[in-house]
Amino acid sequence: MNNDKKALLKKYLICFCVGAGIVFFVFAIKGFNINVTVLCDAFTTAGLLMMLFFGLLFVSSEGVFISLGYIFKRTLRFFIPMYKKDEETYAQYRERKSENLSGKGDSSIFFTGLFFFLVGIVFLVIWYQTKGG
């Protein structure tokens, strides 16, 4: 196995361990009284948290938060009299900050979260089938 496949496998293994940790945390909150509803809650929560975290990583890697950083910097400059004075425009600031962006999120987080979410949906379907409704 080459290094790229090992690195990808390591990413998925770490994501799976994080998801399993979230599932275990939900079990602990529910008092380890494990039934179908708790399984549904645990896996759905883990999946949604991981997919939302991927969304936050993706949005931040696209440069959405650059404008917030510029606004915060300009606000500090306005209210703090001893703050370093430089007249950098927003276009210059965005260009300087855009150089460091990777441009992509880590898809292993999304797909592992999707796996946990789908397992939670399966438990939800099982719960509805056993409930009789």
N, C-alpha and C. Protein backbone atom coordinates (compact mmCIF):
# COMPACT_ATOMS: atom_id res chain seq x y z
N MET A 1 0.86 -1.18 0.00
CA MET A 1 0.00 0.00 0.00
C MET A 1 0.90 1.24 0.00
N ASN A 2 0.60 2.19 -0.89
CA ASN A 2 1.43 3.38 -0.96
C ASN A 2 1.04 4.39 0.11
N ASN A 3 1.81 5.47 0.22
CA ASN A 3 1.62 6.45 1.28
C ASN A 3 0.30 7.20 1.18
N ASP A 4 -0.18 7.45 -0.05
CA ASP A 4 -1.45 8.16 -0.21
C ASP A 4 -2.62 7.35 0.36
N LYS A 5 -2.62 6.06 0.07
CA LYS A 5 -3.70 5.21 0.59
C LYS A 5 -3.61 5.08 2.10
N LYS A 6 -2.39 5.01 2.64
CA LYS A 6 -2.23 4.93 4.09
C LYS A 6 -2.71 6.20 4.76
N ALA A 7 -2.40 7.35 4.16
CA ALA A 7 -2.85 8.62 4.73
C ALA A 7 -4.37 8.74 4.68
N LEU A 8 -4.98 8.30 3.57
CA LEU A 8 -6.43 8.35 3.45
C LEU A 8 -7.09 7.40 4.46
N LEU A 9 -6.53 6.21 4.61
CA LEU A 9 -7.06 5.25 5.58
C LEU A 9 -6.94 5.80 7.00
N LYS A 10 -5.84 6.47 7.28
CA LYS A 10 -5.65 7.07 8.60
C LYS A 10 -6.69 8.16 8.86
N LYS A 11 -6.99 8.98 7.85
CA LYS A 11 -8.02 10.02 8.00
C LYS A 11 -9.38 9.42 8.31
N TYR A 12 -9.74 8.38 7.55
CA TYR A 12 -11.04 7.75 7.78
C TYR A 12 -11.10 7.06 9.15
N LEU A 13 -10.00 6.47 9.57
CA LEU A 13 -9.96 5.81 10.87
C LEU A 13 -10.11 6.84 12.00
N ILE A 14 -9.45 7.98 11.88
CA ILE A 14 -9.58 9.03 12.88
C ILE A 14 -11.01 9.56 12.91
N CYS A 15 -11.59 9.78 11.74
CA CYS A 15 -12.98 10.26 11.68
C CYS A 15 -13.94 9.24 12.27
N PHE A 16 -13.70 7.97 11.99
CA PHE A 16 -14.56 6.93 12.55
C PHE A 16 -14.45 6.89 14.07
N CYS A 17 -13.24 7.06 14.60
CA CYS A 17 -13.05 7.07 16.06
C CYS A 17 -13.74 8.27 16.69
N VAL A 18 -13.69 9.42 16.03
CA VAL A 18 -14.38 10.60 16.55
C VAL A 18 -15.89 10.36 16.56
N GLY A 19 -16.41 9.80 15.48
CA GLY A 19 -17.84 9.49 15.42
C GLY A 19 -18.25 8.48 16.47
N ALA A 20 -17.43 7.45 16.68
CA ALA A 20 -17.72 6.46 17.71
C ALA A 20 -17.67 7.10 19.10
N GLY A 21 -16.77 8.05 19.28
CA GLY A 21 -16.71 8.76 20.55
C GLY A 21 -17.97 9.58 20.81
N ILE A 22 -18.50 10.20 19.77
CA ILE A 22 -19.75 10.96 19.91
C ILE A 22 -20.90 10.01 20.24
N VAL A 23 -20.93 8.86 19.57
CA VAL A 23 -21.97 7.86 19.85
C VAL A 23 -21.86 7.40 21.30
N PHE A 24 -20.66 7.12 21.77
CA PHE A 24 -20.45 6.70 23.15
C PHE A 24 -20.87 7.79 24.12
N PHE A 25 -20.59 9.05 23.79
CA PHE A 25 -20.98 10.17 24.64
C PHE A 25 -22.51 10.26 24.76
N VAL A 26 -23.21 10.06 23.65
CA VAL A 26 -24.68 10.09 23.70
C VAL A 26 -25.19 8.91 24.54
N PHE A 27 -24.55 7.74 24.40
CA PHE A 27 -24.93 6.61 25.25
C PHE A 27 -24.75 6.96 26.73
N ALA A 28 -23.66 7.63 27.05
CA ALA A 28 -23.39 8.01 28.45
C ALA A 28 -24.44 9.00 28.95
N ILE A 29 -24.82 9.95 28.10
CA ILE A 29 -25.84 10.92 28.50
C ILE A 29 -27.17 10.21 28.78
N LYS A 30 -27.49 9.21 27.98
CA LYS A 30 -28.75 8.48 28.15
C LYS A 30 -28.66 7.42 29.23
N GLY A 31 -27.53 7.33 29.93
CA GLY A 31 -27.38 6.39 31.04
C GLY A 31 -27.14 4.96 30.62
N PHE A 32 -26.61 4.75 29.44
CA PHE A 32 -26.32 3.42 28.89
C PHE A 32 -27.55 2.52 28.88
N ASN A 33 -28.73 3.12 28.85
CA ASN A 33 -29.99 2.38 28.68
C ASN A 33 -30.24 2.31 27.17
N ILE A 34 -29.57 1.38 26.52
CA ILE A 34 -29.53 1.36 25.06
C ILE A 34 -30.73 0.60 24.50
N ASN A 35 -31.51 1.32 23.69
CA ASN A 35 -32.59 0.73 22.92
C ASN A 35 -32.55 1.35 21.52
N VAL A 36 -33.52 1.07 20.71
CA VAL A 36 -33.50 1.53 19.31
C VAL A 36 -33.53 3.05 19.22
N THR A 37 -34.30 3.70 20.09
CA THR A 37 -34.37 5.16 20.02
C THR A 37 -33.04 5.80 20.41
N VAL A 38 -32.37 5.23 21.39
CA VAL A 38 -31.06 5.77 21.79
C VAL A 38 -30.04 5.53 20.68
N LEU A 39 -30.09 4.38 20.05
CA LEU A 39 -29.20 4.12 18.91
C LEU A 39 -29.45 5.11 17.78
N CYS A 40 -30.71 5.37 17.50
CA CYS A 40 -31.08 6.34 16.47
C CYS A 40 -30.54 7.72 16.82
N ASP A 41 -30.77 8.15 18.07
CA ASP A 41 -30.29 9.46 18.50
C ASP A 41 -28.77 9.57 18.42
N ALA A 42 -28.08 8.54 18.88
CA ALA A 42 -26.62 8.57 18.95
C ALA A 42 -26.00 8.65 17.56
N PHE A 43 -26.43 7.77 16.66
CA PHE A 43 -25.82 7.75 15.34
C PHE A 43 -26.21 8.98 14.52
N THR A 44 -27.45 9.43 14.66
CA THR A 44 -27.87 10.62 13.92
C THR A 44 -27.12 11.86 14.41
N THR A 45 -26.95 11.97 15.73
CA THR A 45 -26.22 13.10 16.29
C THR A 45 -24.77 13.10 15.81
N ALA A 46 -24.13 11.95 15.86
CA ALA A 46 -22.74 11.86 15.40
C ALA A 46 -22.62 12.23 13.92
N GLY A 47 -23.52 11.72 13.12
CA GLY A 47 -23.48 12.01 11.69
C GLY A 47 -23.71 13.48 11.38
N LEU A 48 -24.71 14.06 12.02
CA LEU A 48 -25.01 15.48 11.76
C LEU A 48 -23.88 16.38 12.24
N LEU A 49 -23.32 16.11 13.42
CA LEU A 49 -22.21 16.93 13.91
C LEU A 49 -21.01 16.87 12.96
N MET A 50 -20.71 15.68 12.47
CA MET A 50 -19.56 15.56 11.58
C MET A 50 -19.82 16.23 10.23
N MET A 51 -21.03 16.09 9.71
CA MET A 51 -21.32 16.75 8.43
C MET A 51 -21.37 18.27 8.58
N LEU A 52 -21.89 18.76 9.70
CA LEU A 52 -21.89 20.21 9.93
C LEU A 52 -20.47 20.74 10.12
N PHE A 53 -19.62 19.97 10.78
CA PHE A 53 -18.22 20.37 10.93
C PHE A 53 -17.53 20.43 9.57
N PHE A 54 -17.82 19.45 8.71
CA PHE A 54 -17.28 19.49 7.35
C PHE A 54 -17.76 20.75 6.61
N GLY A 55 -19.05 21.07 6.77
CA GLY A 55 -19.58 22.27 6.12
C GLY A 55 -18.87 23.53 6.60
N LEU A 56 -18.59 23.61 7.89
CA LEU A 56 -17.87 24.76 8.43
C LEU A 56 -16.45 24.82 7.88
N LEU A 57 -15.78 23.68 7.79
CA LEU A 57 -14.44 23.65 7.20
C LEU A 57 -14.46 24.06 5.73
N PHE A 58 -15.45 23.57 5.01
CA PHE A 58 -15.55 23.90 3.59
C PHE A 58 -15.79 25.39 3.37
N VAL A 59 -16.72 25.94 4.14
CA VAL A 59 -17.03 27.36 3.99
C VAL A 59 -15.84 28.22 4.36
N SER A 60 -15.14 27.85 5.43
CA SER A 60 -13.99 28.66 5.83
C SER A 60 -12.84 28.54 4.85
N SER A 61 -12.70 27.38 4.20
CA SER A 61 -11.63 27.24 3.22
C SER A 61 -11.93 27.98 1.92
N GLU A 62 -13.18 28.33 1.70
CA GLU A 62 -13.55 29.10 0.52
C GLU A 62 -13.38 30.60 0.73
N GLY A 63 -13.09 31.04 1.95
CA GLY A 63 -12.81 32.44 2.19
C GLY A 63 -14.00 33.27 2.63
N VAL A 64 -15.03 32.65 3.14
CA VAL A 64 -16.23 33.38 3.55
C VAL A 64 -15.93 34.26 4.76
N PHE A 65 -15.06 33.81 5.64
CA PHE A 65 -14.80 34.55 6.87
C PHE A 65 -13.76 35.65 6.71
N ILE A 66 -13.24 35.83 5.51
CA ILE A 66 -12.25 36.90 5.28
C ILE A 66 -12.87 38.27 5.54
N SER A 67 -14.09 38.46 5.11
CA SER A 67 -14.73 39.77 5.31
C SER A 67 -14.96 40.05 6.79
N LEU A 68 -15.30 39.03 7.57
CA LEU A 68 -15.46 39.23 9.01
C LEU A 68 -14.14 39.62 9.67
N GLY A 69 -13.06 39.02 9.24
CA GLY A 69 -11.74 39.38 9.76
C GLY A 69 -11.38 40.82 9.43
N TYR A 70 -11.70 41.24 8.22
CA TYR A 70 -11.41 42.62 7.82
C TYR A 70 -12.23 43.61 8.64
N ILE A 71 -13.51 43.29 8.84
CA ILE A 71 -14.37 44.17 9.63
C ILE A 71 -13.86 44.25 11.07
N PHE A 72 -13.45 43.13 11.64
CA PHE A 72 -12.94 43.12 13.01
C PHE A 72 -11.65 43.95 13.10
N LYS A 73 -10.78 43.81 12.12
CA LYS A 73 -9.52 44.56 12.10
C LYS A 73 -9.79 46.06 12.00
N ARG A 74 -10.70 46.44 11.12
CA ARG A 74 -11.03 47.86 10.97
C ARG A 74 -11.70 48.42 12.23
N THR A 75 -12.52 47.62 12.89
CA THR A 75 -13.16 48.06 14.12
C THR A 75 -12.13 48.28 15.22
N LEU A 76 -11.17 47.37 15.35
CA LEU A 76 -10.09 47.56 16.32
C LEU A 76 -9.31 48.84 16.03
N ARG A 77 -9.03 49.05 14.76
CA ARG A 77 -8.28 50.23 14.37
C ARG A 77 -9.05 51.51 14.72
N PHE A 78 -10.36 51.46 14.65
CA PHE A 78 -11.17 52.65 14.93
C PHE A 78 -11.22 52.95 16.42
N PHE A 79 -11.35 51.91 17.26
CA PHE A 79 -11.54 52.13 18.68
C PHE A 79 -10.26 52.17 19.51
N ILE A 80 -9.17 51.62 19.02
CA ILE A 80 -7.91 51.62 19.78
C ILE A 80 -6.99 52.65 19.15
N PRO A 81 -6.67 53.72 19.88
CA PRO A 81 -5.90 54.81 19.28
C PRO A 81 -4.46 54.43 18.97
N MET A 82 -3.84 53.51 19.69
CA MET A 82 -2.44 53.16 19.45
C MET A 82 -2.27 52.01 18.46
N TYR A 83 -3.36 51.59 17.84
CA TYR A 83 -3.30 50.47 16.91
C TYR A 83 -2.51 50.86 15.67
N LYS A 84 -1.75 49.92 15.13
CA LYS A 84 -0.92 50.16 13.95
C LYS A 84 -1.77 50.68 12.79
N LYS A 85 -1.38 51.79 12.23
CA LYS A 85 -2.13 52.42 11.14
C LYS A 85 -1.56 51.99 9.78
N ASP A 86 -2.35 51.30 9.01
CA ASP A 86 -2.02 51.04 7.62
C ASP A 86 -3.31 51.13 6.83
N GLU A 87 -3.22 51.62 5.66
CA GLU A 87 -4.41 51.84 4.83
C GLU A 87 -4.56 50.73 3.80
N GLU A 88 -4.80 49.54 4.28
CA GLU A 88 -5.00 48.39 3.40
C GLU A 88 -6.48 48.33 3.01
N THR A 89 -6.74 48.29 1.71
CA THR A 89 -8.12 48.20 1.25
C THR A 89 -8.63 46.76 1.41
N TYR A 90 -9.93 46.60 1.26
CA TYR A 90 -10.51 45.27 1.39
C TYR A 90 -9.99 44.35 0.29
N ALA A 91 -9.81 44.87 -0.91
CA ALA A 91 -9.31 44.05 -2.02
C ALA A 91 -7.89 43.55 -1.73
N GLN A 92 -7.06 44.42 -1.19
CA GLN A 92 -5.70 44.01 -0.85
C GLN A 92 -5.70 42.98 0.29
N TYR A 93 -6.57 43.22 1.28
CA TYR A 93 -6.67 42.30 2.41
C TYR A 93 -7.15 40.92 1.95
N ARG A 94 -8.17 40.91 1.08
CA ARG A 94 -8.70 39.64 0.58
C ARG A 94 -7.66 38.90 -0.26
N GLU A 95 -6.93 39.62 -1.07
CA GLU A 95 -5.90 38.98 -1.89
C GLU A 95 -4.80 38.38 -1.01
N ARG A 96 -4.40 39.11 0.03
CA ARG A 96 -3.35 38.62 0.93
C ARG A 96 -3.83 37.38 1.70
N LYS A 97 -5.05 37.38 2.18
CA LYS A 97 -5.58 36.24 2.93
C LYS A 97 -5.92 35.05 2.03
N SER A 98 -6.28 35.31 0.79
CA SER A 98 -6.67 34.22 -0.12
C SER A 98 -5.49 33.36 -0.54
N GLU A 99 -4.29 33.86 -0.38
CA GLU A 99 -3.11 33.09 -0.76
C GLU A 99 -2.95 31.84 0.10
N ASN A 100 -3.43 31.87 1.33
CA ASN A 100 -3.22 30.77 2.27
C ASN A 100 -4.34 29.74 2.26
N LEU A 101 -5.38 29.96 1.47
CA LEU A 101 -6.53 29.04 1.49
C LEU A 101 -6.22 27.78 0.70
N SER A 102 -6.70 26.65 1.24
CA SER A 102 -6.47 25.37 0.56
C SER A 102 -7.48 25.15 -0.56
N GLY A 103 -8.68 25.70 -0.42
CA GLY A 103 -9.69 25.59 -1.46
C GLY A 103 -10.54 24.34 -1.41
N LYS A 104 -10.26 23.45 -0.47
CA LYS A 104 -11.08 22.25 -0.37
C LYS A 104 -11.14 21.80 1.08
N GLY A 105 -12.24 21.17 1.43
CA GLY A 105 -12.38 20.59 2.76
C GLY A 105 -11.91 19.15 2.73
N ASP A 106 -11.94 18.51 3.86
CA ASP A 106 -11.54 17.11 3.93
C ASP A 106 -12.78 16.24 3.79
N SER A 107 -12.91 15.56 2.67
CA SER A 107 -14.14 14.81 2.39
C SER A 107 -14.30 13.58 3.28
N SER A 108 -13.23 13.12 3.92
CA SER A 108 -13.37 11.96 4.80
C SER A 108 -14.29 12.27 5.98
N ILE A 109 -14.27 13.52 6.43
CA ILE A 109 -15.17 13.92 7.53
C ILE A 109 -16.62 13.82 7.07
N PHE A 110 -16.88 14.31 5.86
CA PHE A 110 -18.25 14.29 5.35
C PHE A 110 -18.75 12.86 5.15
N PHE A 111 -17.96 12.02 4.51
CA PHE A 111 -18.43 10.67 4.19
C PHE A 111 -18.56 9.80 5.45
N THR A 112 -17.69 10.00 6.43
CA THR A 112 -17.84 9.27 7.68
C THR A 112 -19.09 9.75 8.42
N GLY A 113 -19.33 11.05 8.42
CA GLY A 113 -20.55 11.59 9.02
C GLY A 113 -21.79 11.10 8.31
N LEU A 114 -21.73 11.02 6.99
CA LEU A 114 -22.86 10.50 6.22
C LEU A 114 -23.13 9.04 6.56
N PHE A 115 -22.07 8.26 6.76
CA PHE A 115 -22.23 6.86 7.16
C PHE A 115 -22.96 6.78 8.50
N PHE A 116 -22.51 7.55 9.50
CA PHE A 116 -23.16 7.52 10.81
C PHE A 116 -24.61 8.00 10.71
N PHE A 117 -24.84 9.00 9.90
CA PHE A 117 -26.20 9.52 9.74
C PHE A 117 -27.11 8.46 9.12
N LEU A 118 -26.63 7.77 8.10
CA LEU A 118 -27.44 6.74 7.45
C LEU A 118 -27.71 5.57 8.39
N VAL A 119 -26.74 5.22 9.23
CA VAL A 119 -26.98 4.17 10.24
C VAL A 119 -28.07 4.64 11.20
N GLY A 120 -28.05 5.91 11.58
CA GLY A 120 -29.10 6.45 12.44
C GLY A 120 -30.47 6.41 11.77
N ILE A 121 -30.51 6.69 10.47
CA ILE A 121 -31.78 6.62 9.73
C ILE A 121 -32.29 5.17 9.67
N VAL A 122 -31.38 4.22 9.52
CA VAL A 122 -31.77 2.80 9.53
C VAL A 122 -32.40 2.45 10.87
N PHE A 123 -31.81 2.90 11.96
CA PHE A 123 -32.40 2.64 13.28
C PHE A 123 -33.75 3.34 13.44
N LEU A 124 -33.90 4.50 12.80
CA LEU A 124 -35.19 5.19 12.84
C LEU A 124 -36.26 4.38 12.10
N VAL A 125 -35.91 3.83 10.95
CA VAL A 125 -36.85 2.99 10.20
C VAL A 125 -37.21 1.74 11.01
N ILE A 126 -36.20 1.14 11.65
CA ILE A 126 -36.47 -0.04 12.49
C ILE A 126 -37.42 0.32 13.62
N TRP A 127 -37.20 1.48 14.22
CA TRP A 127 -38.07 1.91 15.32
C TRP A 127 -39.50 2.10 14.84
N TYR A 128 -39.69 2.72 13.66
CA TYR A 128 -41.04 2.89 13.13
C TYR A 128 -41.68 1.55 12.78
N GLN A 129 -40.90 0.60 12.30
CA GLN A 129 -41.46 -0.72 11.96
C GLN A 129 -41.88 -1.49 13.21
N THR A 130 -41.08 -1.40 14.27
CA THR A 130 -41.43 -2.14 15.50
C THR A 130 -42.54 -1.44 16.28
N LYS A 131 -42.67 -0.15 16.09
CA LYS A 131 -43.72 0.61 16.75
C LYS A 131 -45.08 0.27 16.15
N GLY A 132 -45.08 -0.09 14.89
CA GLY A 132 -46.33 -0.45 14.22
C GLY A 132 -47.01 0.73 13.59
N GLY A 133 -46.28 1.82 13.38
CA GLY A 133 -46.92 3.00 12.82
C GLY A 133 -46.28 3.38 11.58
